[in-house]
Amino acid sequence: MAEILAQKEVETKLYELAYLAPPQISAEELETLITKVKKIIEKQQGAITQEQSPHKRTLSYPIGKQKEAFFGFLRFTMRPELEPELPKILRLETNLLRQMIIAVSPQQLKEEQKQARRQAPEIGRKPYKPRKEKPQEVKPEELEKKLEEILGE
């Protein structure tokens, strides 16, 4: 029974946090914001596994009168029972326009890995180049003969 409880304590899930930051934020403030979000995740006993640095995107609809925002995401592992507290804490951060946390399924991870393998260039394989055919020389007698066949003379 104690072993089952110990396994549940260690069992973690993979999550993804997507966030939007205001466009007028400076680069230093953006770095500070990302560091702050990482520390919040680590305080909640999460471990960051992947990060995409934020880049400016045009929004499909305005959020708080903003038509652009910095978009980035973090992937992290965390115990499932601690995850519901994280959005509540992140809502208190004033420099986040929006944030969304989703659980990443193992099937989704496998699909992403397959997609990455498909897109990766194959090393050592040369691109296909069609052969250039040399024009065949036609003798005038052969040409005359062919024309007579076609015209039926």
N, C-alpha and C. Protein backbone atom coordinates (compact mmCIF):
# COMPACT_ATOMS: atom_id res chain seq x y z
N MET A 1 0.82 -1.20 0.00
CA MET A 1 0.00 0.00 0.00
C MET A 1 0.86 1.26 0.00
N ALA A 2 1.95 1.23 0.78
CA ALA A 2 2.86 2.38 0.85
C ALA A 2 3.56 2.61 -0.49
N GLU A 3 3.82 1.50 -1.21
CA GLU A 3 4.47 1.63 -2.52
C GLU A 3 3.57 2.35 -3.52
N ILE A 4 2.27 2.05 -3.47
CA ILE A 4 1.32 2.70 -4.38
C ILE A 4 1.26 4.20 -4.08
N LEU A 5 1.23 4.58 -2.82
CA LEU A 5 1.23 5.99 -2.45
C LEU A 5 2.51 6.68 -2.88
N ALA A 6 3.63 6.01 -2.75
CA ALA A 6 4.92 6.59 -3.17
C ALA A 6 4.94 6.80 -4.67
N GLN A 7 4.37 5.86 -5.45
CA GLN A 7 4.33 6.01 -6.89
C GLN A 7 3.45 7.20 -7.30
N LYS A 8 2.32 7.40 -6.62
CA LYS A 8 1.43 8.51 -6.94
C LYS A 8 2.11 9.84 -6.65
N GLU A 9 2.93 9.90 -5.61
CA GLU A 9 3.63 11.13 -5.28
C GLU A 9 4.66 11.49 -6.36
N VAL A 10 5.31 10.49 -6.92
CA VAL A 10 6.36 10.71 -7.90
C VAL A 10 5.78 10.90 -9.30
N GLU A 11 4.60 10.37 -9.57
CA GLU A 11 4.00 10.43 -10.90
C GLU A 11 3.73 11.88 -11.32
N THR A 12 4.25 12.23 -12.49
CA THR A 12 4.05 13.58 -13.01
C THR A 12 3.44 13.52 -14.40
N LYS A 13 2.86 14.63 -14.81
CA LYS A 13 2.30 14.74 -16.15
C LYS A 13 3.00 15.88 -16.87
N LEU A 14 2.94 15.85 -18.18
CA LEU A 14 3.52 16.90 -18.99
C LEU A 14 2.45 17.93 -19.31
N TYR A 15 2.79 19.20 -19.09
CA TYR A 15 1.86 20.30 -19.36
C TYR A 15 2.53 21.32 -20.27
N GLU A 16 1.69 22.13 -20.90
CA GLU A 16 2.20 23.20 -21.75
C GLU A 16 1.49 24.49 -21.34
N LEU A 17 2.28 25.51 -21.08
CA LEU A 17 1.75 26.83 -20.74
C LEU A 17 2.01 27.75 -21.92
N ALA A 18 0.94 28.21 -22.56
CA ALA A 18 1.05 29.20 -23.64
C ALA A 18 0.65 30.54 -23.05
N TYR A 19 1.39 31.58 -23.39
CA TYR A 19 1.11 32.88 -22.79
C TYR A 19 1.26 34.00 -23.82
N LEU A 20 0.57 35.11 -23.54
CA LEU A 20 0.66 36.33 -24.34
C LEU A 20 1.08 37.46 -23.42
N ALA A 21 2.08 38.22 -23.86
CA ALA A 21 2.56 39.39 -23.12
C ALA A 21 2.31 40.63 -23.98
N PRO A 22 2.10 41.79 -23.35
CA PRO A 22 1.80 43.00 -24.13
C PRO A 22 2.94 43.40 -25.07
N PRO A 23 2.62 44.01 -26.22
CA PRO A 23 3.64 44.32 -27.22
C PRO A 23 4.57 45.47 -26.81
N GLN A 24 4.13 46.34 -25.92
CA GLN A 24 4.96 47.48 -25.56
C GLN A 24 5.99 47.15 -24.46
N ILE A 25 6.01 45.93 -24.00
CA ILE A 25 6.96 45.51 -22.97
C ILE A 25 8.37 45.47 -23.56
N SER A 26 9.35 45.93 -22.79
CA SER A 26 10.74 45.93 -23.28
C SER A 26 11.33 44.52 -23.19
N ALA A 27 12.46 44.33 -23.85
CA ALA A 27 13.12 43.02 -23.87
C ALA A 27 13.53 42.58 -22.46
N GLU A 28 14.03 43.54 -21.67
CA GLU A 28 14.45 43.21 -20.30
C GLU A 28 13.25 42.81 -19.44
N GLU A 29 12.15 43.55 -19.60
CA GLU A 29 10.94 43.22 -18.84
C GLU A 29 10.38 41.87 -19.26
N LEU A 30 10.49 41.56 -20.54
CA LEU A 30 10.02 40.28 -21.05
C LEU A 30 10.84 39.13 -20.45
N GLU A 31 12.15 39.31 -20.41
CA GLU A 31 13.02 38.29 -19.79
C GLU A 31 12.69 38.13 -18.31
N THR A 32 12.45 39.24 -17.62
CA THR A 32 12.08 39.19 -16.21
C THR A 32 10.77 38.45 -16.02
N LEU A 33 9.81 38.71 -16.91
CA LEU A 33 8.51 38.04 -16.84
C LEU A 33 8.67 36.54 -17.02
N ILE A 34 9.45 36.12 -18.01
CA ILE A 34 9.66 34.69 -18.27
C ILE A 34 10.33 34.03 -17.07
N THR A 35 11.34 34.69 -16.52
CA THR A 35 12.03 34.16 -15.34
C THR A 35 11.06 34.02 -14.17
N LYS A 36 10.20 35.02 -14.01
CA LYS A 36 9.22 35.00 -12.92
C LYS A 36 8.25 33.83 -13.09
N VAL A 37 7.77 33.61 -14.32
CA VAL A 37 6.85 32.50 -14.59
C VAL A 37 7.54 31.17 -14.33
N LYS A 38 8.80 31.04 -14.74
CA LYS A 38 9.55 29.80 -14.48
C LYS A 38 9.68 29.55 -12.98
N LYS A 39 9.96 30.60 -12.23
CA LYS A 39 10.09 30.44 -10.76
C LYS A 39 8.76 30.03 -10.14
N ILE A 40 7.65 30.57 -10.65
CA ILE A 40 6.33 30.18 -10.14
C ILE A 40 6.10 28.69 -10.37
N ILE A 41 6.46 28.22 -11.58
CA ILE A 41 6.29 26.79 -11.89
C ILE A 41 7.17 25.95 -10.99
N GLU A 42 8.41 26.38 -10.78
CA GLU A 42 9.32 25.61 -9.93
C GLU A 42 8.88 25.62 -8.48
N LYS A 43 8.27 26.72 -8.01
CA LYS A 43 7.73 26.77 -6.64
C LYS A 43 6.60 25.77 -6.47
N GLN A 44 5.87 25.51 -7.55
CA GLN A 44 4.79 24.54 -7.52
C GLN A 44 5.30 23.13 -7.81
N GLN A 45 6.59 22.92 -7.66
CA GLN A 45 7.26 21.63 -7.83
C GLN A 45 7.20 21.13 -9.27
N GLY A 46 7.25 22.05 -10.21
CA GLY A 46 7.29 21.70 -11.63
C GLY A 46 8.72 21.77 -12.15
N ALA A 47 8.99 21.06 -13.22
CA ALA A 47 10.31 21.07 -13.85
C ALA A 47 10.13 21.41 -15.33
N ILE A 48 10.76 22.47 -15.79
CA ILE A 48 10.63 22.92 -17.17
C ILE A 48 11.45 22.01 -18.08
N THR A 49 10.81 21.53 -19.16
CA THR A 49 11.49 20.61 -20.08
C THR A 49 11.76 21.25 -21.43
N GLN A 50 10.94 22.22 -21.84
CA GLN A 50 11.11 22.84 -23.15
C GLN A 50 10.60 24.27 -23.07
N GLU A 51 11.23 25.15 -23.86
CA GLU A 51 10.84 26.55 -23.85
C GLU A 51 10.94 27.12 -25.26
N GLN A 52 9.95 27.90 -25.63
CA GLN A 52 10.03 28.65 -26.89
C GLN A 52 10.07 30.12 -26.51
N SER A 53 11.11 30.80 -26.95
CA SER A 53 11.22 32.21 -26.61
C SER A 53 10.09 32.98 -27.29
N PRO A 54 9.58 34.00 -26.63
CA PRO A 54 8.44 34.74 -27.19
C PRO A 54 8.79 35.52 -28.44
N HIS A 55 7.84 35.60 -29.34
CA HIS A 55 7.99 36.39 -30.55
C HIS A 55 6.68 37.14 -30.79
N LYS A 56 6.79 38.27 -31.46
CA LYS A 56 5.63 39.13 -31.67
C LYS A 56 4.70 38.53 -32.72
N ARG A 57 3.40 38.52 -32.40
CA ARG A 57 2.39 37.98 -33.30
C ARG A 57 1.23 38.96 -33.40
N THR A 58 0.58 38.98 -34.54
CA THR A 58 -0.65 39.74 -34.70
C THR A 58 -1.79 38.87 -34.20
N LEU A 59 -2.62 39.43 -33.35
CA LEU A 59 -3.72 38.68 -32.76
C LEU A 59 -4.91 38.65 -33.72
N SER A 60 -5.68 37.59 -33.66
CA SER A 60 -6.85 37.49 -34.52
C SER A 60 -7.99 38.38 -34.04
N TYR A 61 -7.96 38.74 -32.77
CA TYR A 61 -8.92 39.70 -32.23
C TYR A 61 -8.21 40.47 -31.10
N PRO A 62 -8.60 41.72 -30.86
CA PRO A 62 -7.92 42.51 -29.83
C PRO A 62 -8.16 41.96 -28.42
N ILE A 63 -7.12 42.01 -27.63
CA ILE A 63 -7.21 41.63 -26.22
C ILE A 63 -6.79 42.85 -25.41
N GLY A 64 -7.71 43.42 -24.69
CA GLY A 64 -7.39 44.61 -23.90
C GLY A 64 -6.89 45.75 -24.78
N LYS A 65 -7.51 45.96 -25.91
CA LYS A 65 -7.17 47.00 -26.89
C LYS A 65 -5.80 46.78 -27.54
N GLN A 66 -5.24 45.60 -27.40
CA GLN A 66 -3.95 45.26 -28.02
C GLN A 66 -4.21 44.41 -29.25
N LYS A 67 -3.61 44.80 -30.38
CA LYS A 67 -3.77 44.03 -31.61
C LYS A 67 -2.59 43.11 -31.87
N GLU A 68 -1.50 43.30 -31.12
CA GLU A 68 -0.31 42.45 -31.21
C GLU A 68 0.07 42.03 -29.80
N ALA A 69 0.85 40.96 -29.71
CA ALA A 69 1.33 40.49 -28.42
C ALA A 69 2.54 39.59 -28.64
N PHE A 70 3.32 39.40 -27.58
CA PHE A 70 4.41 38.43 -27.61
C PHE A 70 3.82 37.09 -27.21
N PHE A 71 4.06 36.08 -28.05
CA PHE A 71 3.57 34.73 -27.78
C PHE A 71 4.74 33.81 -27.49
N GLY A 72 4.62 33.01 -26.46
CA GLY A 72 5.65 32.02 -26.13
C GLY A 72 5.01 30.86 -25.38
N PHE A 73 5.78 29.80 -25.19
CA PHE A 73 5.25 28.70 -24.40
C PHE A 73 6.36 28.00 -23.64
N LEU A 74 5.94 27.32 -22.58
CA LEU A 74 6.83 26.52 -21.74
C LEU A 74 6.20 25.14 -21.60
N ARG A 75 7.00 24.11 -21.68
CA ARG A 75 6.53 22.75 -21.35
C ARG A 75 7.19 22.37 -20.04
N PHE A 76 6.40 21.76 -19.18
CA PHE A 76 6.93 21.39 -17.87
C PHE A 76 6.21 20.16 -17.35
N THR A 77 6.87 19.48 -16.43
CA THR A 77 6.25 18.34 -15.76
C THR A 77 5.87 18.76 -14.36
N MET A 78 4.74 18.23 -13.92
CA MET A 78 4.24 18.59 -12.59
C MET A 78 3.29 17.50 -12.13
N ARG A 79 3.17 17.38 -10.82
CA ARG A 79 2.19 16.43 -10.28
C ARG A 79 0.79 16.95 -10.56
N PRO A 80 -0.11 16.10 -11.04
CA PRO A 80 -1.44 16.54 -11.44
C PRO A 80 -2.24 17.26 -10.35
N GLU A 81 -2.05 16.88 -9.11
CA GLU A 81 -2.84 17.50 -8.03
C GLU A 81 -2.41 18.95 -7.76
N LEU A 82 -1.22 19.34 -8.23
CA LEU A 82 -0.75 20.72 -8.02
C LEU A 82 -1.12 21.65 -9.17
N GLU A 83 -1.50 21.10 -10.31
CA GLU A 83 -1.77 21.90 -11.50
C GLU A 83 -2.93 22.90 -11.34
N PRO A 84 -4.04 22.59 -10.66
CA PRO A 84 -5.14 23.55 -10.57
C PRO A 84 -4.76 24.87 -9.88
N GLU A 85 -3.75 24.87 -9.05
CA GLU A 85 -3.34 26.09 -8.36
C GLU A 85 -2.56 27.05 -9.27
N LEU A 86 -1.90 26.52 -10.26
CA LEU A 86 -1.02 27.32 -11.12
C LEU A 86 -1.75 28.44 -11.87
N PRO A 87 -2.90 28.20 -12.51
CA PRO A 87 -3.58 29.30 -13.21
C PRO A 87 -4.00 30.43 -12.27
N LYS A 88 -4.37 30.07 -11.05
CA LYS A 88 -4.77 31.09 -10.08
C LYS A 88 -3.60 32.01 -9.76
N ILE A 89 -2.42 31.43 -9.61
CA ILE A 89 -1.23 32.23 -9.29
C ILE A 89 -0.82 33.07 -10.49
N LEU A 90 -0.90 32.50 -11.69
CA LEU A 90 -0.49 33.24 -12.90
C LEU A 90 -1.44 34.39 -13.23
N ARG A 91 -2.71 34.29 -12.83
CA ARG A 91 -3.65 35.39 -13.08
C ARG A 91 -3.25 36.65 -12.34
N LEU A 92 -2.51 36.51 -11.27
CA LEU A 92 -2.07 37.68 -10.49
C LEU A 92 -0.95 38.45 -11.20
N GLU A 93 -0.30 37.83 -12.18
CA GLU A 93 0.79 38.48 -12.92
C GLU A 93 0.19 39.49 -13.89
N THR A 94 0.49 40.76 -13.70
CA THR A 94 -0.13 41.84 -14.49
C THR A 94 0.41 41.91 -15.92
N ASN A 95 1.61 41.44 -16.19
CA ASN A 95 2.18 41.53 -17.54
C ASN A 95 1.78 40.37 -18.45
N LEU A 96 0.88 39.53 -18.01
CA LEU A 96 0.37 38.46 -18.87
C LEU A 96 -1.02 38.84 -19.34
N LEU A 97 -1.18 39.00 -20.66
CA LEU A 97 -2.52 39.29 -21.20
C LEU A 97 -3.41 38.06 -21.07
N ARG A 98 -2.89 36.91 -21.47
CA ARG A 98 -3.61 35.64 -21.41
C ARG A 98 -2.61 34.52 -21.14
N GLN A 99 -3.11 33.45 -20.52
CA GLN A 99 -2.32 32.24 -20.38
C GLN A 99 -3.26 31.05 -20.42
N MET A 100 -2.73 29.93 -20.90
CA MET A 100 -3.53 28.72 -21.00
C MET A 100 -2.62 27.54 -20.70
N ILE A 101 -3.09 26.67 -19.84
CA ILE A 101 -2.33 25.47 -19.49
C ILE A 101 -3.11 24.26 -19.98
N ILE A 102 -2.42 23.41 -20.75
CA ILE A 102 -3.05 22.17 -21.22
C ILE A 102 -2.15 20.99 -20.88
N ALA A 103 -2.77 19.85 -20.70
CA ALA A 103 -2.01 18.61 -20.48
C ALA A 103 -1.64 18.05 -21.84
N VAL A 104 -0.38 17.67 -22.00
CA VAL A 104 0.09 17.11 -23.26
C VAL A 104 0.05 15.59 -23.13
N SER A 105 -0.70 14.95 -24.04
CA SER A 105 -0.85 13.50 -23.98
C SER A 105 0.37 12.83 -24.61
N PRO A 106 0.67 11.60 -24.18
CA PRO A 106 1.79 10.86 -24.79
C PRO A 106 1.59 10.66 -26.30
N GLN A 107 0.33 10.49 -26.72
CA GLN A 107 0.04 10.31 -28.15
C GLN A 107 0.39 11.58 -28.92
N GLN A 108 0.10 12.74 -28.35
CA GLN A 108 0.43 14.00 -29.00
C GLN A 108 1.95 14.16 -29.11
N LEU A 109 2.68 13.75 -28.09
CA LEU A 109 4.14 13.82 -28.13
C LEU A 109 4.70 12.94 -29.24
N LYS A 110 4.17 11.72 -29.36
CA LYS A 110 4.63 10.82 -30.41
C LYS A 110 4.38 11.41 -31.79
N GLU A 111 3.20 12.02 -31.95
CA GLU A 111 2.85 12.63 -33.24
C GLU A 111 3.79 13.79 -33.56
N GLU A 112 4.13 14.60 -32.57
CA GLU A 112 5.06 15.71 -32.78
C GLU A 112 6.45 15.20 -33.16
N GLN A 113 6.88 14.11 -32.53
CA GLN A 113 8.18 13.54 -32.84
C GLN A 113 8.20 13.00 -34.27
N LYS A 114 7.11 12.36 -34.69
CA LYS A 114 7.02 11.87 -36.07
C LYS A 114 7.09 13.03 -37.04
N GLN A 115 6.36 14.09 -36.73
CA GLN A 115 6.34 15.27 -37.59
C GLN A 115 7.73 15.88 -37.69
N ALA A 116 8.45 15.94 -36.58
CA ALA A 116 9.80 16.50 -36.58
C ALA A 116 10.74 15.65 -37.43
N ARG A 117 10.58 14.33 -37.36
CA ARG A 117 11.42 13.45 -38.17
C ARG A 117 11.14 13.63 -39.65
N ARG A 118 9.87 13.84 -40.00
CA ARG A 118 9.51 14.04 -41.41
C ARG A 118 10.11 15.33 -41.94
N GLN A 119 10.15 16.36 -41.11
CA GLN A 119 10.62 17.65 -41.57
C GLN A 119 12.14 17.76 -41.55
N ALA A 120 12.81 16.90 -40.80
CA ALA A 120 14.26 16.97 -40.70
C ALA A 120 14.89 16.55 -42.03
N PRO A 121 15.89 17.29 -42.48
CA PRO A 121 16.55 16.91 -43.74
C PRO A 121 17.36 15.63 -43.55
N GLU A 122 17.34 14.82 -44.56
CA GLU A 122 18.10 13.58 -44.49
C GLU A 122 19.54 13.85 -44.87
N ILE A 123 20.44 13.49 -43.99
CA ILE A 123 21.86 13.74 -44.20
C ILE A 123 22.42 12.70 -45.17
N GLY A 124 23.22 13.14 -46.10
CA GLY A 124 23.88 12.23 -47.03
C GLY A 124 23.07 11.92 -48.27
N ARG A 125 21.86 12.36 -48.31
CA ARG A 125 21.02 12.09 -49.47
C ARG A 125 21.06 13.29 -50.41
N LYS A 126 21.39 13.02 -51.66
CA LYS A 126 21.51 14.10 -52.64
C LYS A 126 20.14 14.41 -53.24
N PRO A 127 19.89 15.66 -53.50
CA PRO A 127 18.61 16.00 -54.12
C PRO A 127 18.52 15.46 -55.54
N TYR A 128 17.32 15.17 -55.98
CA TYR A 128 17.09 14.62 -57.30
C TYR A 128 17.32 15.68 -58.36
N LYS A 129 18.12 15.33 -59.35
CA LYS A 129 18.35 16.21 -60.49
C LYS A 129 18.04 15.41 -61.75
N PRO A 130 17.10 15.88 -62.55
CA PRO A 130 16.78 15.13 -63.77
C PRO A 130 17.96 15.17 -64.74
N ARG A 131 18.11 14.08 -65.46
CA ARG A 131 19.20 14.01 -66.43
C ARG A 131 18.85 14.86 -67.64
N LYS A 132 19.87 15.49 -68.15
CA LYS A 132 19.67 16.27 -69.37
C LYS A 132 19.92 15.33 -70.54
N GLU A 133 18.90 15.24 -71.37
CA GLU A 133 19.04 14.36 -72.53
C GLU A 133 19.74 15.14 -73.65
N LYS A 134 20.65 14.44 -74.27
CA LYS A 134 21.35 15.05 -75.39
C LYS A 134 20.44 15.00 -76.61
N PRO A 135 20.35 16.09 -77.35
CA PRO A 135 19.51 16.05 -78.55
C PRO A 135 20.10 15.09 -79.58
N GLN A 136 19.24 14.28 -80.13
CA GLN A 136 19.69 13.32 -81.14
C GLN A 136 19.83 14.02 -82.50
N GLU A 137 20.88 13.70 -83.16
CA GLU A 137 21.09 14.27 -84.48
C GLU A 137 20.27 13.48 -85.50
N VAL A 138 19.53 14.20 -86.31
CA VAL A 138 18.69 13.56 -87.32
C VAL A 138 19.27 13.90 -88.69
N LYS A 139 19.46 12.87 -89.46
CA LYS A 139 20.00 13.07 -90.81
C LYS A 139 18.87 13.57 -91.72
N PRO A 140 19.20 14.41 -92.67
CA PRO A 140 18.16 14.95 -93.55
C PRO A 140 17.40 13.87 -94.32
N GLU A 141 18.06 12.75 -94.69
CA GLU A 141 17.39 11.68 -95.42
C GLU A 141 16.31 11.03 -94.54
N GLU A 142 16.62 10.82 -93.26
CA GLU A 142 15.67 10.22 -92.33
C GLU A 142 14.48 11.16 -92.13
N LEU A 143 14.74 12.43 -92.06
CA LEU A 143 13.69 13.42 -91.88
C LEU A 143 12.74 13.43 -93.09
N GLU A 144 13.30 13.39 -94.28
CA GLU A 144 12.49 13.35 -95.51
C GLU A 144 11.63 12.09 -95.54
N LYS A 145 12.22 10.96 -95.14
CA LYS A 145 11.50 9.69 -95.15
C LYS A 145 10.32 9.74 -94.18
N LYS A 146 10.54 10.28 -93.00
CA LYS A 146 9.50 10.39 -91.96
C LYS A 146 8.38 11.31 -92.44
N LEU A 147 8.74 12.42 -93.07
CA LEU A 147 7.73 13.36 -93.58
C LEU A 147 6.87 12.71 -94.65
N GLU A 148 7.46 11.89 -95.52
CA GLU A 148 6.73 11.20 -96.56
C GLU A 148 5.73 10.21 -95.96
N GLU A 149 6.16 9.54 -94.85
CA GLU A 149 5.27 8.60 -94.16
C GLU A 149 4.07 9.32 -93.57
N ILE A 150 4.33 10.44 -92.97
CA ILE A 150 3.26 11.19 -92.31
C ILE A 150 2.29 11.79 -93.34
N LEU A 151 2.83 12.37 -94.38
CA LEU A 151 1.98 13.02 -95.38
C LEU A 151 1.33 12.01 -96.34
N GLY A 152 1.83 10.80 -96.35
CA GLY A 152 1.26 9.75 -97.18
C GLY A 152 1.59 9.89 -98.66
N GLU A 153 2.69 10.39 -98.98
CA GLU A 153 3.09 10.57 -100.38
C GLU A 153 3.86 9.39 -100.86
